[in-house]
């Protein structure tokens, strides 16, 4: 199965490819600088009462906790739900609850063809085990 998705005019900085041991991931199409915006993703927000159903599907591994009280869930569009986790990430994301977007930003310089990773704990320095490491 060919999962490589080349850069396109809408997302010329990134592409999707196989990440060894992780499935698909997002990669830099060319060098990116710290502080550079990688992608702004709209999200679909679902109410708290949908979470039990979603938790029993494949989407469980792809949603973000959402809202000021983190009671809602959000599915990121674009490549937003395909960024893989690292405890030493090279990118971070910021949630905008008013505009329902996630902005992915380079935390450090990223080389061409390097995988772009974020810390799923929402803090680049947080090494608390995430659900699949517990």
Protein backbone atom coordinates (compact mmCIF):
# COMPACT_ATOMS: atom_id res chain seq x y z
CA UNK A 1 0.00 0.00 0.00
CA UNK A 2 1.47 3.33 -1.07
CA UNK A 3 0.77 5.95 1.60
CA UNK A 4 3.18 8.65 0.46
CA UNK A 5 1.22 11.85 -0.12
CA UNK A 6 3.51 14.38 -1.83
CA UNK A 7 3.51 18.09 -1.02
CA UNK A 8 0.77 19.98 -2.81
CA UNK A 9 0.02 23.66 -3.45
CA UNK A 10 -2.17 23.83 -0.34
CA UNK A 11 0.50 22.29 1.94
CA UNK A 12 3.83 22.80 0.12
CA UNK A 13 5.89 22.53 3.34
CA UNK A 14 4.80 19.06 4.42
CA UNK A 15 3.88 15.60 3.20
CA UNK A 16 2.61 12.32 4.65
CA UNK A 17 4.72 9.17 4.55
CA UNK A 18 5.38 6.01 6.54
CA UNK A 19 7.00 6.57 9.93
CA UNK A 20 8.84 3.41 10.99
CA UNK A 21 7.01 1.77 13.87
CA UNK A 22 4.31 4.44 13.96
CA UNK A 23 2.27 4.12 10.77
CA UNK A 24 1.78 7.35 8.88
CA UNK A 25 3.41 10.60 9.89
CA UNK A 26 3.95 14.16 8.69
CA UNK A 27 7.33 15.14 7.23
CA UNK A 28 9.00 18.39 6.20
CA UNK A 29 9.23 18.86 2.42
CA UNK A 30 12.13 21.32 2.90
CA UNK A 31 13.98 22.81 5.89
CA UNK A 32 11.71 24.62 8.35
CA UNK A 33 12.84 27.19 10.92
CA UNK A 34 11.97 27.39 14.62
CA UNK A 35 8.89 29.55 15.07
CA UNK A 36 7.61 28.91 11.54
CA UNK A 37 3.95 27.94 11.19
CA UNK A 38 3.70 24.50 9.64
CA UNK A 39 -0.06 24.17 9.26
CA UNK A 40 -3.30 25.63 10.58
CA UNK A 41 -5.94 22.92 10.84
CA UNK A 42 -9.65 23.45 11.30
CA UNK A 43 -11.18 20.98 13.74
CA UNK A 44 -14.55 19.29 14.03
CA UNK A 45 -15.73 19.67 17.62
CA UNK A 46 -17.89 16.97 19.17
CA UNK A 47 -19.80 17.31 22.45
CA UNK A 48 -18.81 15.39 25.58
CA UNK A 49 -21.70 12.93 25.21
CA UNK A 50 -20.11 11.62 21.95
CA UNK A 51 -16.86 10.67 23.65
CA UNK A 52 -17.88 7.18 24.90
CA UNK A 53 -18.84 6.15 21.36
CA UNK A 54 -15.66 7.63 19.83
CA UNK A 55 -13.50 5.96 22.50
CA UNK A 56 -14.63 2.59 21.14
CA UNK A 57 -13.47 3.34 17.59
CA UNK A 58 -10.20 3.81 15.74
CA UNK A 59 -10.72 7.57 16.15
CA UNK A 60 -9.73 7.18 19.83
CA UNK A 61 -6.06 7.53 18.83
CA UNK A 62 -6.65 10.61 16.69
CA UNK A 63 -8.75 13.12 18.61
CA UNK A 64 -7.73 16.08 20.78
CA UNK A 65 -9.33 17.07 24.07
CA UNK A 66 -11.02 20.39 23.41
CA UNK A 67 -12.44 23.46 25.12
CA UNK A 68 -11.42 25.43 28.17
CA UNK A 69 -12.45 22.53 30.44
CA UNK A 70 -11.19 19.86 27.99
CA UNK A 71 -14.61 18.15 28.07
CA UNK A 72 -15.18 18.20 24.30
CA UNK A 73 -13.22 16.34 21.66
CA UNK A 74 -11.95 17.56 18.32
CA UNK A 75 -10.91 15.82 15.13
CA UNK A 76 -8.28 17.84 13.28
CA UNK A 77 -8.65 18.18 9.54
CA UNK A 78 -5.75 18.66 7.14
CA UNK A 79 -2.84 16.57 8.43
CA UNK A 80 -3.54 17.59 12.04
CA UNK A 81 -4.41 14.14 13.37
CA UNK A 82 -1.41 12.51 11.67
CA UNK A 83 1.44 14.19 13.58
CA UNK A 84 3.15 11.55 15.70
CA UNK A 85 4.14 11.86 19.35
CA UNK A 86 7.62 12.40 20.76
CA UNK A 87 8.82 13.34 24.24
CA UNK A 88 11.52 15.36 22.40
CA UNK A 89 9.33 17.01 19.74
CA UNK A 90 10.48 19.37 17.03
CA UNK A 91 7.06 21.05 16.79
CA UNK A 92 4.23 22.11 19.05
CA UNK A 93 0.58 22.95 18.59
CA UNK A 94 -1.70 25.66 19.88
CA UNK A 95 -5.45 25.29 20.18
CA UNK A 96 -7.70 28.24 19.39
CA UNK A 97 -11.07 27.42 20.92
CA UNK A 98 -12.73 30.52 19.45
CA UNK A 99 -11.82 29.75 15.83
CA UNK A 100 -11.77 25.95 16.28
CA UNK A 101 -8.28 25.54 14.86
CA UNK A 102 -5.01 23.88 15.78
CA UNK A 103 -1.83 25.66 14.69
CA UNK A 104 1.28 23.51 14.33
CA UNK A 105 4.52 25.47 14.82
CA UNK A 106 8.20 24.51 14.57
CA UNK A 107 9.64 24.26 18.08
CA UNK A 108 13.13 23.84 16.63
CA UNK A 109 14.64 23.84 13.18
CA UNK A 110 13.48 20.83 11.15
CA UNK A 111 15.48 19.32 8.29
CA UNK A 112 14.02 18.38 4.90
CA UNK A 113 12.46 14.89 5.03
CA UNK A 114 12.57 14.86 8.86
CA UNK A 115 9.42 13.69 10.59
CA UNK A 116 7.53 16.46 12.38
CA UNK A 117 6.53 15.37 15.89
CA UNK A 118 4.63 16.93 18.77
CA UNK A 119 4.28 16.04 22.43
CA UNK A 120 0.75 14.73 22.94
CA UNK A 121 0.87 16.10 26.51
CA UNK A 122 0.47 19.61 25.00
CA UNK A 123 3.75 20.74 26.59
CA UNK A 124 7.06 20.17 24.80
CA UNK A 125 8.83 19.40 28.11
CA UNK A 126 6.17 17.12 29.66
CA UNK A 127 7.43 13.54 29.83
CA UNK A 128 4.33 12.13 31.54
CA UNK A 129 3.55 8.81 29.80
CA UNK A 130 0.80 9.13 27.20
CA UNK A 131 -1.97 6.50 26.97
CA UNK A 132 -0.10 4.12 24.68
CA UNK A 133 3.03 4.18 26.87
CA UNK A 134 1.21 3.35 30.13
